[in-house]
Amino acid sequence: MTKNKQIIISLLPFFLSAGLVYLFWRQSLLLLFLYTSVLMVEIFLGNERIVEIRLVTLGILWGVVLETVGISSGYHTFNNPDFMGIPLWLPVFWGYGFIIAKRVSSIVYTGSPFKNSPR
């Protein structure tokens, strides 16, 4: 499989889940549940679970920090905030983004979304 095809396949679930915001932006708990479920399935299907759990944790923490700074500085606001001015689902989506970035960069450099997979 070509690298471009692997990248598209890796990005597809991320972009589809991003589309859920359009449909359910007023229902933060539902989005939180959906994103957490998708994220757990993605991690479970991968073969670098420990690395990806650490990346998700880092992404969630960075998401909270960066969104909170953006809100407190007046840079942006959310129409439906839940916690510290941000929707509950958004930090989980940041964590998901960290995993996708790792997988795409692994495809570019090794030809596989997982470091330990054969080419």
Protein backbone atom coordinates (compact mmCIF):
# COMPACT_ATOMS: atom_id res chain seq x y z
CA MET A 1 0.00 0.00 0.00
CA THR A 2 1.36 3.44 -0.85
CA LYS A 3 2.17 5.99 1.82
CA ASN A 4 -0.51 8.37 0.53
CA LYS A 5 -3.16 5.68 0.79
CA GLN A 6 -2.02 4.77 4.32
CA ILE A 7 -2.16 8.44 5.35
CA ILE A 8 -5.68 8.82 3.97
CA ILE A 9 -6.81 5.64 5.76
CA SER A 10 -5.25 6.89 9.01
CA LEU A 11 -6.86 10.33 8.70
CA LEU A 12 -10.33 9.15 7.67
CA PRO A 13 -11.64 8.22 11.16
CA PHE A 14 -10.25 11.48 12.56
CA PHE A 15 -11.99 13.61 9.95
CA LEU A 16 -15.22 11.63 10.27
CA SER A 17 -15.17 12.14 14.03
CA ALA A 18 -14.46 15.83 13.51
CA GLY A 19 -17.67 15.92 11.50
CA LEU A 20 -19.54 14.80 14.60
CA VAL A 21 -18.99 18.28 16.05
CA TYR A 22 -21.16 19.70 13.32
CA LEU A 23 -23.98 17.32 14.23
CA PHE A 24 -23.72 17.21 18.02
CA TRP A 25 -21.96 20.40 19.19
CA ARG A 26 -24.71 21.15 21.71
CA GLN A 27 -24.43 17.71 23.31
CA SER A 28 -21.01 17.72 24.96
CA LEU A 29 -21.49 14.53 26.95
CA LEU A 30 -22.50 12.61 23.83
CA LEU A 31 -19.46 13.92 21.95
CA LEU A 32 -17.23 13.09 24.90
CA PHE A 33 -18.58 9.54 24.91
CA LEU A 34 -18.24 9.17 21.13
CA TYR A 35 -14.69 10.54 21.01
CA THR A 36 -13.59 8.48 23.99
CA SER A 37 -15.07 5.37 22.37
CA VAL A 38 -13.41 6.03 19.01
CA LEU A 39 -10.13 6.77 20.76
CA MET A 40 -10.21 3.55 22.77
CA VAL A 41 -10.96 1.52 19.64
CA GLU A 42 -8.12 3.25 17.76
CA ILE A 43 -5.67 2.54 20.59
CA PHE A 44 -6.89 -1.04 21.01
CA LEU A 45 -6.49 -1.76 17.27
CA GLY A 46 -2.97 -0.35 17.24
CA ASN A 47 0.11 -2.16 18.42
CA GLU A 48 1.75 0.66 20.38
CA ARG A 49 -0.82 1.01 23.16
CA ILE A 50 1.48 2.33 25.89
CA VAL A 51 3.00 5.01 23.63
CA GLU A 52 -0.41 6.06 22.36
CA ILE A 53 -1.95 6.20 25.84
CA ARG A 54 0.90 8.50 26.87
CA LEU A 55 0.35 10.62 23.76
CA VAL A 56 -3.37 10.89 24.46
CA THR A 57 -2.65 11.96 28.02
CA LEU A 58 -0.18 14.57 26.80
CA GLY A 59 -2.63 15.75 24.15
CA ILE A 60 -5.45 16.08 26.67
CA LEU A 61 -3.26 18.07 29.06
CA TRP A 62 -1.97 20.34 26.29
CA GLY A 63 -5.51 20.75 24.98
CA VAL A 64 -6.77 21.94 28.35
CA VAL A 65 -3.82 24.30 28.81
CA LEU A 66 -3.91 25.81 25.32
CA GLU A 67 -7.69 26.18 25.17
CA THR A 68 -7.76 27.71 28.66
CA VAL A 69 -5.04 30.20 27.70
CA GLY A 70 -6.92 31.06 24.52
CA ILE A 71 -10.11 31.67 26.44
CA SER A 72 -8.55 33.60 29.32
CA SER A 73 -6.67 35.86 26.89
CA GLY A 74 -9.92 36.60 25.07
CA TYR A 75 -8.58 35.06 21.86
CA HIS A 76 -11.64 32.86 21.48
CA THR A 77 -14.76 31.58 23.23
CA PHE A 78 -17.09 28.62 22.86
CA ASN A 79 -20.87 28.83 22.55
CA ASN A 80 -21.42 25.76 24.71
CA PRO A 81 -18.63 25.59 27.34
CA ASP A 82 -18.74 22.95 30.07
CA PHE A 83 -15.55 23.13 32.10
CA MET A 84 -13.16 26.08 32.44
CA GLY A 85 -14.78 27.66 29.39
CA ILE A 86 -14.22 24.71 27.05
CA PRO A 87 -16.45 21.85 25.90
CA LEU A 88 -15.74 18.52 27.64
CA TRP A 89 -14.99 16.70 24.40
CA LEU A 90 -12.35 19.11 23.10
CA PRO A 91 -9.33 17.92 25.16
CA VAL A 92 -10.09 14.32 24.15
CA PHE A 93 -10.11 15.43 20.53
CA TRP A 94 -6.70 17.06 21.10
CA GLY A 95 -5.44 13.71 22.43
CA TYR A 96 -6.81 11.97 19.36
CA GLY A 97 -5.03 14.53 17.19
CA PHE A 98 -1.72 13.69 18.88
CA ILE A 99 -2.16 10.00 18.00
CA ILE A 100 -3.05 10.81 14.40
CA ALA A 101 -0.01 13.10 14.08
CA LYS A 102 2.22 10.31 15.43
CA ARG A 103 0.75 7.74 13.06
CA VAL A 104 1.00 9.95 9.98
CA SER A 105 4.60 10.88 10.77
CA SER A 106 5.39 7.18 11.25
CA ILE A 107 3.89 6.43 7.83
CA VAL A 108 6.00 9.15 6.24
CA TYR A 109 9.24 7.96 7.84
CA THR A 110 8.80 4.18 8.11
CA GLY A 111 5.99 3.28 5.73
CA SER A 112 3.79 2.05 8.60
CA PRO A 113 1.59 3.83 11.17
CA PHE A 114 3.31 1.83 13.90
CA LYS A 115 7.02 1.95 14.58
CA ASN A 116 7.31 -1.79 15.27
CA SER A 117 5.34 -2.94 12.20
CA PRO A 118 7.07 -4.39 9.18
CA ARG A 119 7.01 -2.26 6.05
